[in-house]
Amino acid sequence: MTAAEKIGPILAILDQRYPRAHCTLDFTNALQLLVATVLSAQCTDVRVNQVTPALFRQYPDAAAFARASLPELEEAVRPTGFFRNKAKSIKAICQALAAHHGGEVPASLDELVQLPGIGRKTANVILGNAFGIPGIVVDTHLGRVSQRLGLTSQRDPVKIEFDLMPLVPRERWTDFSHQMIWHGREICTARKPNCPACPLLPYCDFGQQARGNPH
């Protein structure tokens, strides 16, 4: 089956399996989601959610992050790992927001990717979850599952995103991203995918080859 032929059944199965898939980072506004997304690199969302309540009380807006003492900010985000780089990135982003956007997170992909260190993945997380603007979030889970299903042969996240955009209806992009990420975490894991338990197995190139039934 081609990617275009299998996407319909795949979307139906994902809807049935993950009807309430959502962003698992806790936030109340776009800035909080942006900061939490930066902190989530190489860190679990559970750990990030343990750190952010106190962080957001200490730094309630972009201006507060922008004028933060870097050593203090580093200490506040230390439990998420790579804390020096993350603190430096958050401070630089918030300085740019304060200088060019009145301290507000812009609701446009073009403007978001111009912020220091913000790529399309983070921009689409913010657009889809803080502003309700559809975007496909190509993290390691979505990229891996898409490749195994045969929806893309690309390795570059941006190229994967552009392969998926014409396949998945635009209004589904954000939900599709959550569902694929949840599936990658629960079943289609990197090292030992649980193919026998996978509802997508009939449409999966990787799974069929593993069973000796290449499409």
C-alpha atoms as a PDB file:
ATOM      1  CA  MET A   1       0.000   0.000   0.000  1.00  0.00           C
ATOM      2  CA  THR A   2       1.151   3.534  -0.686  1.00  0.00           C
ATOM      3  CA  ALA A   3       1.345   6.138   2.060  1.00  0.00           C
ATOM      4  CA  ALA A   4      -1.714   7.862   0.573  1.00  0.00           C
ATOM      5  CA  GLU A   5      -3.685   4.600   0.649  1.00  0.00           C
ATOM      6  CA  LYS A   6      -2.831   3.683   4.230  1.00  0.00           C
ATOM      7  CA  ILE A   7      -3.135   7.091   5.909  1.00  0.00           C
ATOM      8  CA  GLY A   8      -6.944   6.902   6.221  1.00  0.00           C
ATOM      9  CA  PRO A   9      -6.970   3.616   8.151  1.00  0.00           C
ATOM     10  CA  ILE A  10      -3.993   4.768  10.236  1.00  0.00           C
ATOM     11  CA  LEU A  11      -5.787   7.968  11.273  1.00  0.00           C
ATOM     12  CA  ALA A  12      -8.940   6.005  12.178  1.00  0.00           C
ATOM     13  CA  ILE A  13      -6.939   3.586  14.340  1.00  0.00           C
ATOM     14  CA  LEU A  14      -5.074   6.409  16.064  1.00  0.00           C
ATOM     15  CA  ASP A  15      -8.398   8.123  16.851  1.00  0.00           C
ATOM     16  CA  GLN A  16      -9.731   4.918  18.357  1.00  0.00           C
ATOM     17  CA  ARG A  17      -6.590   4.121  20.347  1.00  0.00           C
ATOM     18  CA  TYR A  18      -5.676   7.637  21.523  1.00  0.00           C
ATOM     19  CA  PRO A  19      -8.896   9.698  21.591  1.00  0.00           C
ATOM     20  CA  ARG A  20      -7.590  12.001  24.331  1.00  0.00           C
ATOM     21  CA  ALA A  21      -3.972  12.383  23.241  1.00  0.00           C
ATOM     22  CA  HIS A  22      -2.693  15.803  24.243  1.00  0.00           C
ATOM     23  CA  CYS A  23       0.385  17.798  25.137  1.00  0.00           C
ATOM     24  CA  THR A  24       1.702  16.434  28.433  1.00  0.00           C
ATOM     25  CA  LEU A  25       3.585  19.605  29.394  1.00  0.00           C
ATOM     26  CA  ASP A  26       1.726  21.764  31.938  1.00  0.00           C
ATOM     27  CA  PHE A  27       1.210  25.399  30.942  1.00  0.00           C
ATOM     28  CA  THR A  28      -1.315  28.229  31.165  1.00  0.00           C
ATOM     29  CA  ASN A  29      -0.036  30.509  28.392  1.00  0.00           C
ATOM     30  CA  ALA A  30       2.171  30.494  25.306  1.00  0.00           C
ATOM     31  CA  LEU A  31       5.293  31.697  27.129  1.00  0.00           C
ATOM     32  CA  GLN A  32       5.039  28.924  29.703  1.00  0.00           C
ATOM     33  CA  LEU A  33       4.648  26.354  26.922  1.00  0.00           C
ATOM     34  CA  LEU A  34       7.652  27.785  25.081  1.00  0.00           C
ATOM     35  CA  VAL A  35       9.839  27.595  28.181  1.00  0.00           C
ATOM     36  CA  ALA A  36       8.591  24.111  29.075  1.00  0.00           C
ATOM     37  CA  THR A  37       9.292  22.907  25.533  1.00  0.00           C
ATOM     38  CA  VAL A  38      12.868  24.182  25.730  1.00  0.00           C
ATOM     39  CA  LEU A  39      13.292  22.378  29.042  1.00  0.00           C
ATOM     40  CA  SER A  40      11.844  19.134  27.650  1.00  0.00           C
ATOM     41  CA  ALA A  41      14.855  18.516  25.389  1.00  0.00           C
ATOM     42  CA  GLN A  42      16.556  15.325  26.612  1.00  0.00           C
ATOM     43  CA  CYS A  43      14.190  15.323  29.594  1.00  0.00           C
ATOM     44  CA  THR A  44      10.835  13.753  30.403  1.00  0.00           C
ATOM     45  CA  ASP A  45       7.703  15.877  30.496  1.00  0.00           C
ATOM     46  CA  VAL A  46       7.054  14.546  34.011  1.00  0.00           C
ATOM     47  CA  ARG A  47      10.339  15.998  35.251  1.00  0.00           C
ATOM     48  CA  VAL A  48       9.729  19.304  33.462  1.00  0.00           C
ATOM     49  CA  ASN A  49       6.297  19.555  35.096  1.00  0.00           C
ATOM     50  CA  GLN A  50       7.943  19.126  38.509  1.00  0.00           C
ATOM     51  CA  VAL A  51      10.255  22.074  37.845  1.00  0.00           C
ATOM     52  CA  THR A  52       8.013  24.605  36.095  1.00  0.00           C
ATOM     53  CA  PRO A  53       5.515  25.600  38.855  1.00  0.00           C
ATOM     54  CA  ALA A  54       8.241  27.197  40.989  1.00  0.00           C
ATOM     55  CA  LEU A  55      10.040  28.490  37.886  1.00  0.00           C
ATOM     56  CA  PHE A  56       6.945  30.299  36.609  1.00  0.00           C
ATOM     57  CA  ARG A  57       6.278  31.813  40.030  1.00  0.00           C
ATOM     58  CA  GLN A  58       9.827  33.148  40.128  1.00  0.00           C
ATOM     59  CA  TYR A  59       9.734  34.385  36.503  1.00  0.00           C
ATOM     60  CA  PRO A  60       6.104  35.262  35.665  1.00  0.00           C
ATOM     61  CA  ASP A  61       6.709  36.893  32.266  1.00  0.00           C
ATOM     62  CA  ALA A  62       9.230  37.336  29.469  1.00  0.00           C
ATOM     63  CA  ALA A  63      10.680  40.476  31.050  1.00  0.00           C
ATOM     64  CA  ALA A  64      11.450  38.583  34.257  1.00  0.00           C
ATOM     65  CA  PHE A  65      13.248  35.831  32.331  1.00  0.00           C
ATOM     66  CA  ALA A  66      15.069  38.431  30.225  1.00  0.00           C
ATOM     67  CA  ARG A  67      16.552  40.200  33.252  1.00  0.00           C
ATOM     68  CA  ALA A  68      17.163  37.007  35.240  1.00  0.00           C
ATOM     69  CA  SER A  69      20.555  36.290  36.724  1.00  0.00           C
ATOM     70  CA  LEU A  70      21.948  33.491  34.590  1.00  0.00           C
ATOM     71  CA  PRO A  71      23.392  31.530  37.561  1.00  0.00           C
ATOM     72  CA  GLU A  72      20.016  31.717  39.355  1.00  0.00           C
ATOM     73  CA  LEU A  73      18.139  30.637  36.234  1.00  0.00           C
ATOM     74  CA  GLU A  74      20.588  27.775  35.713  1.00  0.00           C
ATOM     75  CA  GLU A  75      19.964  26.588  39.256  1.00  0.00           C
ATOM     76  CA  ALA A  76      16.186  26.798  38.784  1.00  0.00           C
ATOM     77  CA  VAL A  77      16.241  24.556  35.697  1.00  0.00           C
ATOM     78  CA  ARG A  78      19.117  22.287  36.810  1.00  0.00           C
ATOM     79  CA  PRO A  79      16.906  19.186  37.391  1.00  0.00           C
ATOM     80  CA  THR A  80      15.975  19.081  33.685  1.00  0.00           C
ATOM     81  CA  GLY A  81      19.583  18.472  32.590  1.00  0.00           C
ATOM     82  CA  PHE A  82      21.773  20.498  30.224  1.00  0.00           C
ATOM     83  CA  PHE A  83      20.776  23.368  32.487  1.00  0.00           C
ATOM     84  CA  ARG A  84      23.425  25.855  31.374  1.00  0.00           C
ATOM     85  CA  ASN A  85      22.427  25.677  27.721  1.00  0.00           C
ATOM     86  CA  LYS A  86      18.717  25.682  28.564  1.00  0.00           C
ATOM     87  CA  ALA A  87      18.991  28.708  30.869  1.00  0.00           C
ATOM     88  CA  LYS A  88      21.027  30.609  28.288  1.00  0.00           C
ATOM     89  CA  SER A  89      18.501  29.758  25.571  1.00  0.00           C
ATOM     90  CA  ILE A  90      15.456  30.768  27.656  1.00  0.00           C
ATOM     91  CA  LYS A  91      17.051  34.066  28.623  1.00  0.00           C
ATOM     92  CA  ALA A  92      17.987  34.855  24.995  1.00  0.00           C
ATOM     93  CA  ILE A  93      14.513  33.967  23.728  1.00  0.00           C
ATOM     94  CA  CYS A  94      12.840  36.151  26.343  1.00  0.00           C
ATOM     95  CA  GLN A  95      15.210  39.039  25.638  1.00  0.00           C
ATOM     96  CA  ALA A  96      14.149  38.803  21.985  1.00  0.00           C
ATOM     97  CA  LEU A  97      10.475  38.664  22.972  1.00  0.00           C
ATOM     98  CA  ALA A  98      10.880  41.723  25.191  1.00  0.00           C
ATOM     99  CA  ALA A  99      12.815  43.641  22.539  1.00  0.00           C
ATOM    100  CA  HIS A 100      10.748  42.822  19.462  1.00  0.00           C
ATOM    101  CA  HIS A 101       7.340  41.449  20.485  1.00  0.00           C
ATOM    102  CA  GLY A 102       6.315  43.426  23.550  1.00  0.00           C
ATOM    103  CA  GLY A 103       7.077  40.413  25.715  1.00  0.00           C
ATOM    104  CA  GLU A 104       4.425  38.320  23.952  1.00  0.00           C
ATOM    105  CA  VAL A 105       4.976  35.045  22.085  1.00  0.00           C
ATOM    106  CA  PRO A 106       4.085  35.567  18.405  1.00  0.00           C
ATOM    107  CA  ALA A 107       1.439  33.327  16.860  1.00  0.00           C
ATOM    108  CA  SER A 108       3.223  32.879  13.546  1.00  0.00           C
ATOM    109  CA  LEU A 109       5.658  30.213  12.379  1.00  0.00           C
ATOM    110  CA  ASP A 110       7.838  32.716  10.546  1.00  0.00           C
ATOM    111  CA  GLU A 111       8.241  34.889  13.640  1.00  0.00           C
ATOM    112  CA  LEU A 112       8.713  31.980  16.046  1.00  0.00           C
ATOM    113  CA  VAL A 113      11.568  30.413  14.075  1.00  0.00           C
ATOM    114  CA  GLN A 114      13.378  33.754  14.113  1.00  0.00           C
ATOM    115  CA  LEU A 115      13.674  33.537  17.906  1.00  0.00           C
ATOM    116  CA  PRO A 116      17.065  32.262  19.155  1.00  0.00           C
ATOM    117  CA  GLY A 117      17.251  28.471  19.030  1.00  0.00           C
ATOM    118  CA  ILE A 118      13.625  27.929  18.038  1.00  0.00           C
ATOM    119  CA  GLY A 119      13.097  25.499  15.148  1.00  0.00           C
ATOM    120  CA  ARG A 120       9.994  24.289  13.377  1.00  0.00           C
ATOM    121  CA  LYS A 121       9.334  21.523  15.914  1.00  0.00           C
ATOM    122  CA  THR A 122       9.123  23.866  18.902  1.00  0.00           C
ATOM    123  CA  ALA A 123       7.245  26.457  16.836  1.00  0.00           C
ATOM    124  CA  ASN A 124       4.617  23.871  15.873  1.00  0.00           C
ATOM    125  CA  VAL A 125       4.253  22.750  19.494  1.00  0.00           C
ATOM    126  CA  ILE A 126       3.465  26.341  20.467  1.00  0.00           C
ATOM    127  CA  LEU A 127       1.198  27.074  17.511  1.00  0.00           C
ATOM    128  CA  GLY A 128      -0.841  23.897  17.891  1.00  0.00           C
ATOM    129  CA  ASN A 129      -1.228  23.853  21.662  1.00  0.00           C
ATOM    130  CA  ALA A 130      -1.186  27.507  22.724  1.00  0.00           C
ATOM    131  CA  PHE A 131      -2.860  29.101  19.695  1.00  0.00           C
ATOM    132  CA  GLY A 132      -4.882  26.303  18.073  1.00  0.00           C
ATOM    133  CA  ILE A 133      -3.007  26.717  14.775  1.00  0.00           C
ATOM    134  CA  PRO A 134      -2.387  23.252  13.247  1.00  0.00           C
ATOM    135  CA  GLY A 135       1.197  22.047  13.024  1.00  0.00           C
ATOM    136  CA  ILE A 136       3.004  18.706  12.717  1.00  0.00           C
ATOM    137  CA  VAL A 137       5.530  18.236  15.511  1.00  0.00           C
ATOM    138  CA  VAL A 138       8.333  15.980  14.297  1.00  0.00           C
ATOM    139  CA  ASP A 139      10.059  14.806  17.437  1.00  0.00           C
ATOM    140  CA  THR A 140      12.031  11.546  17.701  1.00  0.00           C
ATOM    141  CA  HIS A 141       8.855   9.502  18.321  1.00  0.00           C
ATOM    142  CA  LEU A 142       6.821  10.866  15.425  1.00  0.00           C
ATOM    143  CA  GLY A 143       9.797  10.643  13.093  1.00  0.00           C
ATOM    144  CA  ARG A 144      10.504   7.015  14.025  1.00  0.00           C
ATOM    145  CA  VAL A 145       6.873   5.863  13.789  1.00  0.00           C
ATOM    146  CA  SER A 146       6.355   7.640  10.457  1.00  0.00           C
ATOM    147  CA  GLN A 147       9.442   5.973   9.004  1.00  0.00           C
ATOM    148  CA  ARG A 148       8.426   2.519  10.224  1.00  0.00           C
ATOM    149  CA  LEU A 149       4.906   2.895   8.884  1.00  0.00           C
ATOM    150  CA  GLY A 150       6.297   3.872   5.495  1.00  0.00           C
ATOM    151  CA  LEU A 151       4.774   7.357   5.515  1.00  0.00           C
ATOM    152  CA  THR A 152       8.205   8.839   4.790  1.00  0.00           C
ATOM    153  CA  SER A 153      11.687   7.669   3.881  1.00  0.00           C
ATOM    154  CA  GLN A 154      13.300  10.879   5.091  1.00  0.00           C
ATOM    155  CA  ARG A 155      15.517  11.265   8.162  1.00  0.00           C
ATOM    156  CA  ASP A 156      15.580  15.042   8.413  1.00  0.00           C
ATOM    157  CA  PRO A 157      12.717  16.298  10.653  1.00  0.00           C
ATOM    158  CA  VAL A 158      11.781  19.168   8.336  1.00  0.00           C
ATOM    159  CA  LYS A 159      11.633  16.831   5.321  1.00  0.00           C
ATOM    160  CA  ILE A 160       9.512  14.383   7.327  1.00  0.00           C
ATOM    161  CA  GLU A 161       7.144  17.226   8.215  1.00  0.00           C
ATOM    162  CA  PHE A 162       6.800  18.222   4.566  1.00  0.00           C
ATOM    163  CA  ASP A 163       6.145  14.598   3.547  1.00  0.00           C
ATOM    164  CA  LEU A 164       3.349  14.309   6.128  1.00  0.00           C
ATOM    165  CA  MET A 165       1.662  17.657   5.505  1.00  0.00           C
ATOM    166  CA  PRO A 166      -0.079  16.640   2.240  1.00  0.00           C
ATOM    167  CA  LEU A 167      -0.995  13.204   3.635  1.00  0.00           C
ATOM    168  CA  VAL A 168      -2.714  14.306   6.851  1.00  0.00           C
ATOM    169  CA  PRO A 169      -5.655  16.728   6.695  1.00  0.00           C
ATOM    170  CA  ARG A 170      -4.512  20.103   8.011  1.00  0.00           C
ATOM    171  CA  GLU A 171      -7.087  20.235  10.792  1.00  0.00           C
ATOM    172  CA  ARG A 172      -5.676  16.946  12.089  1.00  0.00           C
ATOM    173  CA  TRP A 173      -2.014  17.959  12.245  1.00  0.00           C
ATOM    174  CA  THR A 174      -1.853  18.759  15.964  1.00  0.00           C
ATOM    175  CA  ASP A 175      -3.932  15.779  17.122  1.00  0.00           C
ATOM    176  CA  PHE A 176      -2.033  13.479  14.745  1.00  0.00           C
ATOM    177  CA  SER A 177       1.233  14.664  16.286  1.00  0.00           C
ATOM    178  CA  HIS A 178       0.064  13.894  19.822  1.00  0.00           C
ATOM    179  CA  GLN A 179      -1.280  10.494  18.816  1.00  0.00           C
ATOM    180  CA  MET A 180       1.901   9.472  17.017  1.00  0.00           C
ATOM    181  CA  ILE A 181       4.059  10.672  19.922  1.00  0.00           C
ATOM    182  CA  TRP A 182       1.951   8.704  22.413  1.00  0.00           C
ATOM    183  CA  HIS A 183       2.143   5.632  20.153  1.00  0.00           C
ATOM    184  CA  GLY A 184       5.925   5.986  19.954  1.00  0.00           C
ATOM    185  CA  ARG A 185       6.180   6.177  23.719  1.00  0.00           C
ATOM    186  CA  GLU A 186       3.786   3.317  24.495  1.00  0.00           C
ATOM    187  CA  ILE A 187       4.191   0.748  21.713  1.00  0.00           C
ATOM    188  CA  CYS A 188       6.526   1.723  18.869  1.00  0.00           C
ATOM    189  CA  THR A 189       9.527   2.305  21.103  1.00  0.00           C
ATOM    190  CA  ALA A 190      12.994   2.845  19.696  1.00  0.00           C
ATOM    191  CA  ARG A 191      14.721  -0.338  20.878  1.00  0.00           C
ATOM    192  CA  LYS A 192      11.981  -2.935  21.373  1.00  0.00           C
ATOM    193  CA  PRO A 193       8.778  -2.027  19.539  1.00  0.00           C
ATOM    194  CA  ASN A 194       5.844  -4.138  20.696  1.00  0.00           C
ATOM    195  CA  CYS A 195       4.720  -5.101  17.201  1.00  0.00           C
ATOM    196  CA  PRO A 196       2.423  -7.981  18.299  1.00  0.00           C
ATOM    197  CA  ALA A 197       0.337  -5.518  20.347  1.00  0.00           C
ATOM    198  CA  CYS A 198       0.326  -2.777  17.710  1.00  0.00           C
ATOM    199  CA  PRO A 199      -3.041  -1.926  16.115  1.00  0.00           C
ATOM    200  CA  LEU A 200      -1.167  -0.323  13.204  1.00  0.00           C
ATOM    201  CA  LEU A 201       0.690  -3.545  12.331  1.00  0.00           C
ATOM    202  CA  PRO A 202      -1.352  -4.297   9.161  1.00  0.00           C
ATOM    203  CA  TYR A 203      -0.216  -0.941   7.713  1.00  0.00           C
ATOM    204  CA  CYS A 204       3.374  -0.965   8.994  1.00  0.00           C
ATOM    205  CA  ASP A 205       6.256  -1.680   6.616  1.00  0.00           C
ATOM    206  CA  PHE A 206       8.665  -2.287   9.508  1.00  0.00           C
ATOM    207  CA  GLY A 207       6.305  -4.625  11.348  1.00  0.00           C
ATOM    208  CA  GLN A 208       5.425  -6.648   8.273  1.00  0.00           C
ATOM    209  CA  GLN A 209       9.082  -7.082   7.344  1.00  0.00           C
ATOM    210  CA  ALA A 210       9.843  -8.202  10.882  1.00  0.00           C
ATOM    211  CA  ARG A 211       7.171 -10.874  10.493  1.00  0.00           C
ATOM    212  CA  GLY A 212       8.505 -11.915   7.105  1.00  0.00           C
ATOM    213  CA  ASN A 213       5.566 -10.416   5.215  1.00  0.00           C
ATOM    214  CA  PRO A 214       7.013  -7.498   3.240  1.00  0.00           C
ATOM    215  CA  HIS A 215       4.386  -5.274   1.648  1.00  0.00           C
END
